[in-house]
PDB file of N, CA and C in Angstrom:
ATOM      1  N   MET A   1     128.059 179.009 288.976  1.00  0.00           N
ATOM      2  CA  MET A   1     128.611 177.669 289.014  1.00  0.00           C
ATOM      3  C   MET A   1     130.121 177.706 289.247  1.00  0.00           C
ATOM      4  N   GLY A   2     130.791 178.780 288.879  1.00  0.00           N
ATOM      5  CA  GLY A   2     132.209 178.925 289.171  1.00  0.00           C
ATOM      6  C   GLY A   2     133.077 178.046 288.300  1.00  0.00           C
ATOM      7  N   ASP A   3     134.138 177.520 288.917  1.00  0.00           N
ATOM      8  CA  ASP A   3     135.091 176.672 288.202  1.00  0.00           C
ATOM      9  C   ASP A   3     134.762 175.194 288.345  1.00  0.00           C
ATOM     10  N   GLU A   4     133.546 174.867 288.666  1.00  0.00           N
ATOM     11  CA  GLU A   4     133.170 173.480 288.910  1.00  0.00           C
ATOM     12  C   GLU A   4     132.877 172.751 287.607  1.00  0.00           C
ATOM     13  N   ILE A   5     133.564 171.616 287.408  1.00  0.00           N
ATOM     14  CA  ILE A   5     133.330 170.779 286.227  1.00  0.00           C
ATOM     15  C   ILE A   5     132.799 169.441 286.727  1.00  0.00           C
ATOM     16  N   LYS A   6     131.732 168.961 286.108  1.00  0.00           N
ATOM     17  CA  LYS A   6     131.134 167.683 286.499  1.00  0.00           C
ATOM     18  C   LYS A   6     131.023 166.768 285.287  1.00  0.00           C
ATOM     19  N   MET A   7     131.184 165.474 285.518  1.00  0.00           N
ATOM     20  CA  MET A   7     130.925 164.480 284.491  1.00  0.00           C
ATOM     21  C   MET A   7     129.672 163.719 284.904  1.00  0.00           C
ATOM     22  N   VAL A   8     128.689 163.712 284.021  1.00  0.00           N
ATOM     23  CA  VAL A   8     127.459 162.963 284.251  1.00  0.00           C
ATOM     24  C   VAL A   8     127.551 161.707 283.391  1.00  0.00           C
ATOM     25  N   VAL A   9     127.468 160.554 284.039  1.00  0.00           N
ATOM     26  CA  VAL A   9     127.547 159.264 283.358  1.00  0.00           C
ATOM     27  C   VAL A   9     126.210 158.565 283.542  1.00  0.00           C
ATOM     28  N   ALA A  10     125.597 158.188 282.430  1.00  0.00           N
ATOM     29  CA  ALA A  10     124.305 157.504 282.487  1.00  0.00           C
ATOM     30  C   ALA A  10     124.407 156.174 281.749  1.00  0.00           C
ATOM     31  N   ILE A  11     123.870 155.136 282.361  1.00  0.00           N
ATOM     32  CA  ILE A  11     123.749 153.823 281.723  1.00  0.00           C
ATOM     33  C   ILE A  11     122.258 153.653 281.432  1.00  0.00           C
ATOM     34  N   ILE A  12     121.899 153.607 280.152  1.00  0.00           N
ATOM     35  CA  ILE A  12     120.488 153.616 279.767  1.00  0.00           C
ATOM     36  C   ILE A  12     120.187 152.523 278.736  1.00  0.00           C
ATOM     37  N   ARG A  13     118.905 152.366 278.449  1.00  0.00           N
ATOM     38  CA  ARG A  13     118.474 151.448 277.391  1.00  0.00           C
ATOM     39  C   ARG A  13     118.860 152.036 276.032  1.00  0.00           C
ATOM     40  N   PRO A  14     119.333 151.194 275.109  1.00  0.00           N
ATOM     41  CA  PRO A  14     119.744 151.705 273.797  1.00  0.00           C
ATOM     42  C   PRO A  14     118.621 152.416 273.036  1.00  0.00           C
ATOM     43  N   ASP A  15     117.395 151.958 273.188  1.00  0.00           N
ATOM     44  CA  ASP A  15     116.291 152.559 272.445  1.00  0.00           C
ATOM     45  C   ASP A  15     115.899 153.939 272.968  1.00  0.00           C
ATOM     46  N   ARG A  16     116.457 154.372 274.092  1.00  0.00           N
ATOM     47  CA  ARG A  16     116.147 155.689 274.654  1.00  0.00           C
ATOM     48  C   ARG A  16     117.214 156.733 274.303  1.00  0.00           C
ATOM     49  N   LEU A  17     118.251 156.334 273.573  1.00  0.00           N
ATOM     50  CA  LEU A  17     119.373 157.228 273.287  1.00  0.00           C
ATOM     51  C   LEU A  17     118.943 158.469 272.504  1.00  0.00           C
ATOM     52  N   THR A  18     118.114 158.316 271.488  1.00  0.00           N
ATOM     53  CA  THR A  18     117.675 159.461 270.689  1.00  0.00           C
ATOM     54  C   THR A  18     116.962 160.490 271.553  1.00  0.00           C
ATOM     55  N   ASP A  19     116.096 160.033 272.442  1.00  0.00           N
ATOM     56  CA  ASP A  19     115.377 160.947 273.336  1.00  0.00           C
ATOM     57  C   ASP A  19     116.340 161.649 274.298  1.00  0.00           C
ATOM     58  N   VAL A  20     117.348 160.922 274.780  1.00  0.00           N
ATOM     59  CA  VAL A  20     118.327 161.506 275.701  1.00  0.00           C
ATOM     60  C   VAL A  20     119.161 162.557 274.982  1.00  0.00           C
ATOM     61  N   LYS A  21     119.607 162.278 273.765  1.00  0.00           N
ATOM     62  CA  LYS A  21     120.376 163.270 273.001  1.00  0.00           C
ATOM     63  C   LYS A  21     119.563 164.540 272.790  1.00  0.00           C
ATOM     64  N   ARG A  22     118.305 164.390 272.457  1.00  0.00           N
ATOM     65  CA  ARG A  22     117.424 165.545 272.243  1.00  0.00           C
ATOM     66  C   ARG A  22     117.270 166.343 273.547  1.00  0.00           C
ATOM     67  N   ALA A  23     117.059 165.645 274.650  1.00  0.00           N
ATOM     68  CA  ALA A  23     116.871 166.304 275.947  1.00  0.00           C
ATOM     69  C   ALA A  23     118.133 167.051 276.381  1.00  0.00           C
ATOM     70  N   LEU A  24     119.307 166.464 276.141  1.00  0.00           N
ATOM     71  CA  LEU A  24     120.561 167.136 276.497  1.00  0.00           C
ATOM     72  C   LEU A  24     120.768 168.396 275.660  1.00  0.00           C
ATOM     73  N   ALA A  25     120.426 168.329 274.387  1.00  0.00           N
ATOM     74  CA  ALA A  25     120.544 169.510 273.535  1.00  0.00           C
ATOM     75  C   ALA A  25     119.617 170.623 274.023  1.00  0.00           C
ATOM     76  N   GLU A  26     118.437 170.266 274.482  1.00  0.00           N
ATOM     77  CA  GLU A  26     117.465 171.252 274.957  1.00  0.00           C
ATOM     78  C   GLU A  26     117.926 171.975 276.220  1.00  0.00           C
ATOM     79  N   VAL A  27     118.704 171.292 277.093  1.00  0.00           N
ATOM     80  CA  VAL A  27     119.199 171.949 278.309  1.00  0.00           C
ATOM     81  C   VAL A  27     120.554 172.625 278.094  1.00  0.00           C
ATOM     82  N   GLY A  28     121.065 172.581 276.861  1.00  0.00           N
ATOM     83  CA  GLY A  28     122.320 173.258 276.560  1.00  0.00           C
ATOM     84  C   GLY A  28     123.559 172.431 276.778  1.00  0.00           C
ATOM     85  N   ALA A  29     123.423 171.108 276.781  1.00  0.00           N
ATOM     86  CA  ALA A  29     124.573 170.218 276.958  1.00  0.00           C
ATOM     87  C   ALA A  29     124.608 169.185 275.829  1.00  0.00           C
ATOM     88  N   PRO A  30     124.843 169.636 274.586  1.00  0.00           N
ATOM     89  CA  PRO A  30     124.779 168.717 273.451  1.00  0.00           C
ATOM     90  C   PRO A  30     126.003 167.818 273.279  1.00  0.00           C
ATOM     91  N   SER A  31     127.137 168.167 273.905  1.00  0.00           N
ATOM     92  CA  SER A  31     128.358 167.371 273.746  1.00  0.00           C
ATOM     93  C   SER A  31     128.308 166.137 274.625  1.00  0.00           C
ATOM     94  N   LEU A  32     128.548 164.986 274.013  1.00  0.00           N
ATOM     95  CA  LEU A  32     128.505 163.745 274.775  1.00  0.00           C
ATOM     96  C   LEU A  32     129.347 162.677 274.104  1.00  0.00           C
ATOM     97  N   THR A  33     129.630 161.632 274.849  1.00  0.00           N
ATOM     98  CA  THR A  33     130.302 160.444 274.346  1.00  0.00           C
ATOM     99  C   THR A  33     129.391 159.266 274.626  1.00  0.00           C
ATOM    100  N   VAL A  34     129.228 158.392 273.632  1.00  0.00           N
ATOM    101  CA  VAL A  34     128.333 157.245 273.769  1.00  0.00           C
ATOM    102  C   VAL A  34     129.131 155.969 273.530  1.00  0.00           C
ATOM    103  N   THR A  35     128.946 154.984 274.416  1.00  0.00           N
ATOM    104  CA  THR A  35     129.629 153.703 274.314  1.00  0.00           C
ATOM    105  C   THR A  35     128.616 152.587 274.490  1.00  0.00           C
ATOM    106  N   ASP A  36     128.713 151.544 273.665  1.00  0.00           N
ATOM    107  CA  ASP A  36     127.877 150.359 273.862  1.00  0.00           C
ATOM    108  C   ASP A  36     128.491 149.522 274.979  1.00  0.00           C
ATOM    109  N   VAL A  37     127.685 149.181 275.973  1.00  0.00           N
ATOM    110  CA  VAL A  37     128.150 148.382 277.108  1.00  0.00           C
ATOM    111  C   VAL A  37     127.120 147.290 277.406  1.00  0.00           C
ATOM    112  N   SER A  38     127.484 146.361 278.256  1.00  0.00           N
ATOM    113  CA  SER A  38     126.521 145.380 278.744  1.00  0.00           C
ATOM    114  C   SER A  38     126.716 145.234 280.240  1.00  0.00           C
ATOM    115  N   GLY A  39     125.641 144.904 280.923  1.00  0.00           N
ATOM    116  CA  GLY A  39     125.731 144.780 282.369  1.00  0.00           C
ATOM    117  C   GLY A  39     124.479 144.163 282.941  1.00  0.00           C
ATOM    118  N   ARG A  40     124.473 144.045 284.247  1.00  0.00           N
ATOM    119  CA  ARG A  40     123.285 143.510 284.901  1.00  0.00           C
ATOM    120  C   ARG A  40     123.058 144.224 286.208  1.00  0.00           C
ATOM    121  N   GLY A  41     121.792 144.289 286.550  1.00  0.00           N
ATOM    122  CA  GLY A  41     121.387 144.927 287.792  1.00  0.00           C
ATOM    123  C   GLY A  41     120.156 144.207 288.287  1.00  0.00           C
ATOM    124  N   SER A  42     119.093 144.945 288.539  1.00  0.00           N
ATOM    125  CA  SER A  42     117.873 144.324 289.045  1.00  0.00           C
ATOM    126  C   SER A  42     117.001 143.754 287.927  1.00  0.00           C
ATOM    127  N   GLN A  43     117.362 144.062 286.674  1.00  0.00           N
ATOM    128  CA  GLN A  43     116.598 143.534 285.538  1.00  0.00           C
ATOM    129  C   GLN A  43     116.775 142.019 285.490  1.00  0.00           C
ATOM    130  N   PRO A  44     115.668 141.257 285.388  1.00  0.00           N
ATOM    131  CA  PRO A  44     115.774 139.802 285.432  1.00  0.00           C
ATOM    132  C   PRO A  44     116.491 139.217 284.219  1.00  0.00           C
ATOM    133  N   ALA A  45     117.127 138.055 284.439  1.00  0.00           N
ATOM    134  CA  ALA A  45     117.782 137.331 283.351  1.00  0.00           C
ATOM    135  C   ALA A  45     116.714 136.740 282.431  1.00  0.00           C
ATOM    136  N   LYS A  46     117.083 136.540 281.170  1.00  0.00           N
ATOM    137  CA  LYS A  46     116.164 135.955 280.197  1.00  0.00           C
ATOM    138  C   LYS A  46     116.719 134.631 279.715  1.00  0.00           C
ATOM    139  N   LYS A  47     115.836 133.666 279.530  1.00  0.00           N
ATOM    140  CA  LYS A  47     116.249 132.385 278.967  1.00  0.00           C
ATOM    141  C   LYS A  47     115.999 132.423 277.469  1.00  0.00           C
ATOM    142  N   SER A  48     116.990 131.987 276.711  1.00  0.00           N
ATOM    143  CA  SER A  48     116.874 131.951 275.258  1.00  0.00           C
ATOM    144  C   SER A  48     117.328 130.607 274.751  1.00  0.00           C
ATOM    145  N   GLN A  49     117.079 130.389 273.483  1.00  0.00           N
ATOM    146  CA  GLN A  49     117.464 129.124 272.872  1.00  0.00           C
ATOM    147  C   GLN A  49     118.165 129.419 271.555  1.00  0.00           C
ATOM    148  N   TRP A  50     119.253 128.685 271.312  1.00  0.00           N
ATOM    149  CA  TRP A  50     119.989 128.829 270.066  1.00  0.00           C
ATOM    150  C   TRP A  50     120.463 127.458 269.630  1.00  0.00           C
ATOM    151  N   ARG A  51     120.064 127.056 268.442  1.00  0.00           N
ATOM    152  CA  ARG A  51     120.395 125.740 267.896  1.00  0.00           C
ATOM    153  C   ARG A  51     120.035 124.613 268.849  1.00  0.00           C
ATOM    154  N   GLY A  52     118.878 124.743 269.448  1.00  0.00           N
ATOM    155  CA  GLY A  52     118.366 123.697 270.331  1.00  0.00           C
ATOM    156  C   GLY A  52     118.914 123.722 271.742  1.00  0.00           C
ATOM    157  N   GLU A  53     119.868 124.577 272.022  1.00  0.00           N
ATOM    158  CA  GLU A  53     120.453 124.663 273.364  1.00  0.00           C
ATOM    159  C   GLU A  53     119.884 125.870 274.092  1.00  0.00           C
ATOM    160  N   GLU A  54     119.501 125.667 275.341  1.00  0.00           N
ATOM    161  CA  GLU A  54     118.979 126.768 276.146  1.00  0.00           C
ATOM    162  C   GLU A  54     120.131 127.435 276.896  1.00  0.00           C
ATOM    163  N   TYR A  55     120.087 128.747 276.960  1.00  0.00           N
ATOM    164  CA  TYR A  55     121.095 129.487 277.712  1.00  0.00           C
ATOM    165  C   TYR A  55     120.438 130.695 278.380  1.00  0.00           C
ATOM    166  N   VAL A  56     121.115 131.240 279.390  1.00  0.00           N
ATOM    167  CA  VAL A  56     120.595 132.365 280.162  1.00  0.00           C
ATOM    168  C   VAL A  56     121.359 133.632 279.776  1.00  0.00           C
ATOM    169  N   VAL A  57     120.606 134.674 279.457  1.00  0.00           N
ATOM    170  CA  VAL A  57     121.195 135.979 279.163  1.00  0.00           C
ATOM    171  C   VAL A  57     121.006 136.848 280.402  1.00  0.00           C
ATOM    172  N   ASP A  58     122.103 137.074 281.132  1.00  0.00           N
ATOM    173  CA  ASP A  58     121.996 137.904 282.333  1.00  0.00           C
ATOM    174  C   ASP A  58     122.775 139.209 282.198  1.00  0.00           C
ATOM    175  N   LEU A  59     123.452 139.395 281.071  1.00  0.00           N
ATOM    176  CA  LEU A  59     124.078 140.675 280.766  1.00  0.00           C
ATOM    177  C   LEU A  59     123.263 141.320 279.656  1.00  0.00           C
ATOM    178  N   HIS A  60     122.687 142.471 279.954  1.00  0.00           N
ATOM    179  CA  HIS A  60     121.807 143.145 279.013  1.00  0.00           C
ATOM    180  C   HIS A  60     122.547 144.261 278.291  1.00  0.00           C
ATOM    181  N   GLN A  61     122.217 144.467 277.025  1.00  0.00           N
ATOM    182  CA  GLN A  61     122.826 145.530 276.232  1.00  0.00           C
ATOM    183  C   GLN A  61     122.346 146.887 276.754  1.00  0.00           C
ATOM    184  N   LYS A  62     123.271 147.774 276.973  1.00  0.00           N
ATOM    185  CA  LYS A  62     122.985 149.127 277.454  1.00  0.00           C
ATOM    186  C   LYS A  62     123.841 150.117 276.678  1.00  0.00           C
ATOM    187  N   VAL A  63     123.591 151.381 276.893  1.00  0.00           N
ATOM    188  CA  VAL A  63     124.384 152.459 276.310  1.00  0.00           C
ATOM    189  C   VAL A  63     124.886 153.324 277.463  1.00  0.00           C
ATOM    190  N   LYS A  64     126.173 153.642 277.410  1.00  0.00           N
ATOM    191  CA  LYS A  64     126.769 154.524 278.412  1.00  0.00           C
ATOM    192  C   LYS A  64     126.935 155.901 277.776  1.00  0.00           C
ATOM    193  N   VAL A  65     126.317 156.892 278.386  1.00  0.00           N
ATOM    194  CA  VAL A  65     126.375 158.271 277.901  1.00  0.00           C
ATOM    195  C   VAL A  65     127.182 159.082 278.900  1.00  0.00           C
ATOM    196  N   GLU A  66     128.230 159.742 278.421  1.00  0.00           N
ATOM    197  CA  GLU A  66     129.063 160.579 279.275  1.00  0.00           C
ATOM    198  C   GLU A  66     128.966 162.021 278.786  1.00  0.00           C
ATOM    199  N   CYS A  67     128.735 162.916 279.715  1.00  0.00           N
ATOM    200  CA  CYS A  67     128.552 164.326 279.383  1.00  0.00           C
ATOM    201  C   CYS A  67     129.293 165.152 280.440  1.00  0.00           C
ATOM    202  N   VAL A  68     130.273 165.948 279.998  1.00  0.00           N
ATOM    203  CA  VAL A  68     131.028 166.799 280.917  1.00  0.00           C
ATOM    204  C   VAL A  68     130.502 168.223 280.779  1.00  0.00           C
ATOM    205  N   VAL A  69     130.148 168.829 281.905  1.00  0.00           N
ATOM    206  CA  VAL A  69     129.555 170.163 281.886  1.00  0.00           C
ATOM    207  C   VAL A  69     130.244 171.083 282.887  1.00  0.00           C
ATOM    208  N   ALA A  70     130.294 172.359 282.514  1.00  0.00           N
ATOM    209  CA  ALA A  70     130.814 173.384 283.419  1.00  0.00           C
ATOM    210  C   ALA A  70     129.861 174.568 283.476  1.00  0.00           C
ATOM    211  N   ASP A  71     129.218 174.874 282.348  1.00  0.00           N
ATOM    212  CA  ASP A  71     128.349 176.051 282.296  1.00  0.00           C
ATOM    213  C   ASP A  71     126.866 175.704 282.415  1.00  0.00           C
ATOM    214  N   VAL A  72     126.552 174.421 282.497  1.00  0.00           N
ATOM    215  CA  VAL A  72     125.174 173.956 282.684  1.00  0.00           C
ATOM    216  C   VAL A  72     125.133 173.206 284.014  1.00  0.00           C
ATOM    217  N   PRO A  73     124.186 173.494 284.890  1.00  0.00           N
ATOM    218  CA  PRO A  73     124.114 172.768 286.170  1.00  0.00           C
ATOM    219  C   PRO A  73     123.939 171.267 285.945  1.00  0.00           C
ATOM    220  N   SER A  74     124.734 170.480 286.657  1.00  0.00           N
ATOM    221  CA  SER A  74     124.654 169.023 286.494  1.00  0.00           C
ATOM    222  C   SER A  74     123.274 168.488 286.884  1.00  0.00           C
ATOM    223  N   ASP A  75     122.585 169.162 287.801  1.00  0.00           N
ATOM    224  CA  ASP A  75     121.227 168.740 288.170  1.00  0.00           C
ATOM    225  C   ASP A  75     120.271 168.830 286.981  1.00  0.00           C
ATOM    226  N   ASP A  76     120.454 169.852 286.134  1.00  0.00           N
ATOM    227  CA  ASP A  76     119.623 169.984 284.934  1.00  0.00           C
ATOM    228  C   ASP A  76     119.891 168.834 283.963  1.00  0.00           C
ATOM    229  N   VAL A  77     121.164 168.457 283.844  1.00  0.00           N
ATOM    230  CA  VAL A  77     121.546 167.363 282.951  1.00  0.00           C
ATOM    231  C   VAL A  77     120.965 166.046 283.474  1.00  0.00           C
ATOM    232  N   VAL A  78     121.080 165.820 284.771  1.00  0.00           N
ATOM    233  CA  VAL A  78     120.535 164.591 285.372  1.00  0.00           C
ATOM    234  C   VAL A  78     119.024 164.528 285.166  1.00  0.00           C
ATOM    235  N   SER A  79     118.340 165.621 285.410  1.00  0.00           N
ATOM    236  CA  SER A  79     116.884 165.648 285.232  1.00  0.00           C
ATOM    237  C   SER A  79     116.491 165.375 283.791  1.00  0.00           C
ATOM    238  N   ALA A  80     117.209 165.971 282.849  1.00  0.00           N
ATOM    239  CA  ALA A  80     116.905 165.767 281.428  1.00  0.00           C
ATOM    240  C   ALA A  80     117.093 164.309 281.030  1.00  0.00           C
ATOM    241  N   ILE A  81     118.188 163.706 281.480  1.00  0.00           N
ATOM    242  CA  ILE A  81     118.443 162.295 281.150  1.00  0.00           C
ATOM    243  C   ILE A  81     117.387 161.406 281.789  1.00  0.00           C
ATOM    244  N   ALA A  82     117.108 161.634 283.067  1.00  0.00           N
ATOM    245  CA  ALA A  82     116.145 160.793 283.787  1.00  0.00           C
ATOM    246  C   ALA A  82     114.766 160.844 283.134  1.00  0.00           C
ATOM    247  N   GLU A  83     114.343 162.027 282.743  1.00  0.00           N
ATOM    248  CA  GLU A  83     113.032 162.180 282.120  1.00  0.00           C
ATOM    249  C   GLU A  83     112.985 161.508 280.741  1.00  0.00           C
ATOM    250  N   ALA A  84     114.061 161.667 279.966  1.00  0.00           N
ATOM    251  CA  ALA A  84     114.088 161.111 278.610  1.00  0.00           C
ATOM    252  C   ALA A  84     114.318 159.599 278.590  1.00  0.00           C
ATOM    253  N   ALA A  85     115.049 159.082 279.576  1.00  0.00           N
ATOM    254  CA  ALA A  85     115.403 157.658 279.569  1.00  0.00           C
ATOM    255  C   ALA A  85     114.414 156.790 280.332  1.00  0.00           C
ATOM    256  N   GLY A  86     113.608 157.392 281.173  1.00  0.00           N
ATOM    257  CA  GLY A  86     112.733 156.617 282.044  1.00  0.00           C
ATOM    258  C   GLY A  86     111.534 155.996 281.340  1.00  0.00           C
ATOM    259  N   THR A  87     111.293 154.733 281.666  1.00  0.00           N
ATOM    260  CA  THR A  87     110.089 154.048 281.189  1.00  0.00           C
ATOM    261  C   THR A  87     109.242 153.573 282.359  1.00  0.00           C
ATOM    262  N   GLY A  88     109.828 153.602 283.563  1.00  0.00           N
ATOM    263  CA  GLY A  88     109.125 153.117 284.738  1.00  0.00           C
ATOM    264  C   GLY A  88     109.295 151.625 284.972  1.00  0.00           C
ATOM    265  N   GLU A  89     110.121 150.982 284.160  1.00  0.00           N
ATOM    266  CA  GLU A  89     110.336 149.542 284.285  1.00  0.00           C
ATOM    267  C   GLU A  89     111.746 149.258 284.791  1.00  0.00           C
ATOM    268  N   LYS A  90     111.957 148.034 285.279  1.00  0.00           N
ATOM    269  CA  LYS A  90     113.302 147.621 285.673  1.00  0.00           C
ATOM    270  C   LYS A  90     114.201 147.674 284.454  1.00  0.00           C
ATOM    271  N   GLY A  91     115.451 148.055 284.683  1.00  0.00           N
ATOM    272  CA  GLY A  91     116.400 148.122 283.580  1.00  0.00           C
ATOM    273  C   GLY A  91     116.505 149.484 282.929  1.00  0.00           C
ATOM    274  N   ASP A  92     115.838 150.509 283.486  1.00  0.00           N
ATOM    275  CA  ASP A  92     115.928 151.856 282.923  1.00  0.00           C
ATOM    276  C   ASP A  92     117.340 152.426 283.036  1.00  0.00           C
ATOM    277  N   GLY A  93     118.101 152.000 284.017  1.00  0.00           N
ATOM    278  CA  GLY A  93     119.488 152.425 284.144  1.00  0.00           C
ATOM    279  C   GLY A  93     119.776 153.246 285.377  1.00  0.00           C
ATOM    280  N   LYS A  94     120.958 153.844 285.369  1.00  0.00           N
ATOM    281  CA  LYS A  94     121.440 154.649 286.496  1.00  0.00           C
ATOM    282  C   LYS A  94     122.158 155.879 285.954  1.00  0.00           C
ATOM    283  N   ILE A  95     122.239 156.903 286.796  1.00  0.00           N
ATOM    284  CA  ILE A  95     122.969 158.121 286.459  1.00  0.00           C
ATOM    285  C   ILE A  95     123.922 158.434 287.606  1.00  0.00           C
ATOM    286  N   PHE A  96     125.166 158.730 287.254  1.00  0.00           N
ATOM    287  CA  PHE A  96     126.190 159.056 288.238  1.00  0.00           C
ATOM    288  C   PHE A  96     126.748 160.439 287.927  1.00  0.00           C
ATOM    289  N   VAL A  97     127.051 161.215 288.971  1.00  0.00           N
ATOM    290  CA  VAL A  97     127.662 162.537 288.803  1.00  0.00           C
ATOM    291  C   VAL A  97     129.013 162.504 289.512  1.00  0.00           C
ATOM    292  N   LEU A  98     130.073 162.827 288.749  1.00  0.00           N
ATOM    293  CA  LEU A  98     131.430 162.765 289.274  1.00  0.00           C
ATOM    294  C   LEU A  98     132.109 164.125 289.146  1.00  0.00           C
ATOM    295  N   PRO A  99     132.923 164.502 290.120  1.00  0.00           N
ATOM    296  CA  PRO A  99     133.688 165.745 289.962  1.00  0.00           C
ATOM    297  C   PRO A  99     134.832 165.519 288.965  1.00  0.00           C
ATOM    298  N   VAL A 100     135.133 166.540 288.176  1.00  0.00           N
ATOM    299  CA  VAL A 100     136.260 166.486 287.242  1.00  0.00           C
ATOM    300  C   VAL A 100     137.303 167.462 287.746  1.00  0.00           C
ATOM    301  N   GLU A 101     138.496 166.963 287.979  1.00  0.00           N
ATOM    302  CA  GLU A 101     139.555 167.788 288.536  1.00  0.00           C
ATOM    303  C   GLU A 101     140.031 168.855 287.548  1.00  0.00           C
ATOM    304  N   ASP A 102     140.189 168.471 286.289  1.00  0.00           N
ATOM    305  CA  ASP A 102     140.678 169.414 285.286  1.00  0.00           C
ATOM    306  C   ASP A 102     140.272 168.924 283.906  1.00  0.00           C
ATOM    307  N   ALA A 103     140.315 169.818 282.928  1.00  0.00           N
ATOM    308  CA  ALA A 103     140.047 169.473 281.537  1.00  0.00           C
ATOM    309  C   ALA A 103     141.037 170.231 280.673  1.00  0.00           C
ATOM    310  N   TYR A 104     141.417 169.624 279.561  1.00  0.00           N
ATOM    311  CA  TYR A 104     142.379 170.239 278.640  1.00  0.00           C
ATOM    312  C   TYR A 104     141.885 170.019 277.216  1.00  0.00           C
ATOM    313  N   GLN A 105     141.680 171.112 276.483  1.00  0.00           N
ATOM    314  CA  GLN A 105     141.245 170.995 275.092  1.00  0.00           C
ATOM    315  C   GLN A 105     142.488 170.945 274.206  1.00  0.00           C
ATOM    316  N   VAL A 106     142.661 169.840 273.498  1.00  0.00           N
ATOM    317  CA  VAL A 106     143.870 169.602 272.727  1.00  0.00           C
ATOM    318  C   VAL A 106     144.072 170.646 271.632  1.00  0.00           C
ATOM    319  N   ARG A 107     143.025 170.964 270.886  1.00  0.00           N
ATOM    320  CA  ARG A 107     143.161 171.888 269.750  1.00  0.00           C
ATOM    321  C   ARG A 107     143.593 173.284 270.173  1.00  0.00           C
ATOM    322  N   THR A 108     142.983 173.824 271.222  1.00  0.00           N
ATOM    323  CA  THR A 108     143.211 175.217 271.605  1.00  0.00           C
ATOM    324  C   THR A 108     144.169 175.384 272.783  1.00  0.00           C
ATOM    325  N   GLY A 109     144.354 174.356 273.558  1.00  0.00           N
ATOM    326  CA  GLY A 109     145.196 174.459 274.752  1.00  0.00           C
ATOM    327  C   GLY A 109     144.481 175.048 275.948  1.00  0.00           C
ATOM    328  N   LYS A 110     143.171 175.280 275.828  1.00  0.00           N
ATOM    329  CA  LYS A 110     142.404 175.810 276.958  1.00  0.00           C
ATOM    330  C   LYS A 110     142.325 174.776 278.060  1.00  0.00           C
ATOM    331  N   ARG A 111     142.225 175.284 279.307  1.00  0.00           N
ATOM    332  CA  ARG A 111     142.134 174.407 280.467  1.00  0.00           C
ATOM    333  C   ARG A 111     140.930 174.771 281.313  1.00  0.00           C
ATOM    334  N   GLY A 112     140.532 173.814 282.151  1.00  0.00           N
ATOM    335  CA  GLY A 112     139.456 174.047 283.093  1.00  0.00           C
ATOM    336  C   GLY A 112     138.102 174.201 282.395  1.00  0.00           C
ATOM    337  N   PRO A 113     137.204 174.981 282.975  1.00  0.00           N
ATOM    338  CA  PRO A 113     135.850 175.156 282.410  1.00  0.00           C
ATOM    339  C   PRO A 113     135.861 175.686 280.962  1.00  0.00           C
ATOM    340  N   ASP A 114     136.886 176.477 280.607  1.00  0.00           N
ATOM    341  CA  ASP A 114     136.958 176.988 279.238  1.00  0.00           C
ATOM    342  C   ASP A 114     137.185 175.858 278.219  1.00  0.00           C
ATOM    343  N   ALA A 115     137.772 174.756 278.659  1.00  0.00           N
ATOM    344  CA  ALA A 115     138.034 173.631 277.758  1.00  0.00           C
ATOM    345  C   ALA A 115     136.784 172.810 277.516  1.00  0.00           C
ATOM    346  N   VAL A 116     135.818 172.922 278.411  1.00  0.00           N
ATOM    347  CA  VAL A 116     134.598 172.135 278.285  1.00  0.00           C
ATOM    348  C   VAL A 116     133.661 172.849 277.341  1.00  0.00           C
TER     349      VAL A 116
END
């Protein structure tokens, strides 16, 4: 893999997070950052009612999982996330792979793949 560092970003359903964490640990990429996000894509909007007023919910709650890897192939990470997060329904999410120019570990001062 060399000096290549990749960031894998996945937007998934919140209820699939436990399975994704387990799958990432199994492929050797247990380090991750998780953020609660909301968004919309092809998943249909839902109509709801609150205090007698009807409103449309078109932003759905999702979880953003970020995983930076250097010693594990990013394809393995993508496959693990896709398998663990997939339900076969609209709204399962997306996975993006981005190149990382550099990394710096604050505690040790290591740079590049050694910092990951």
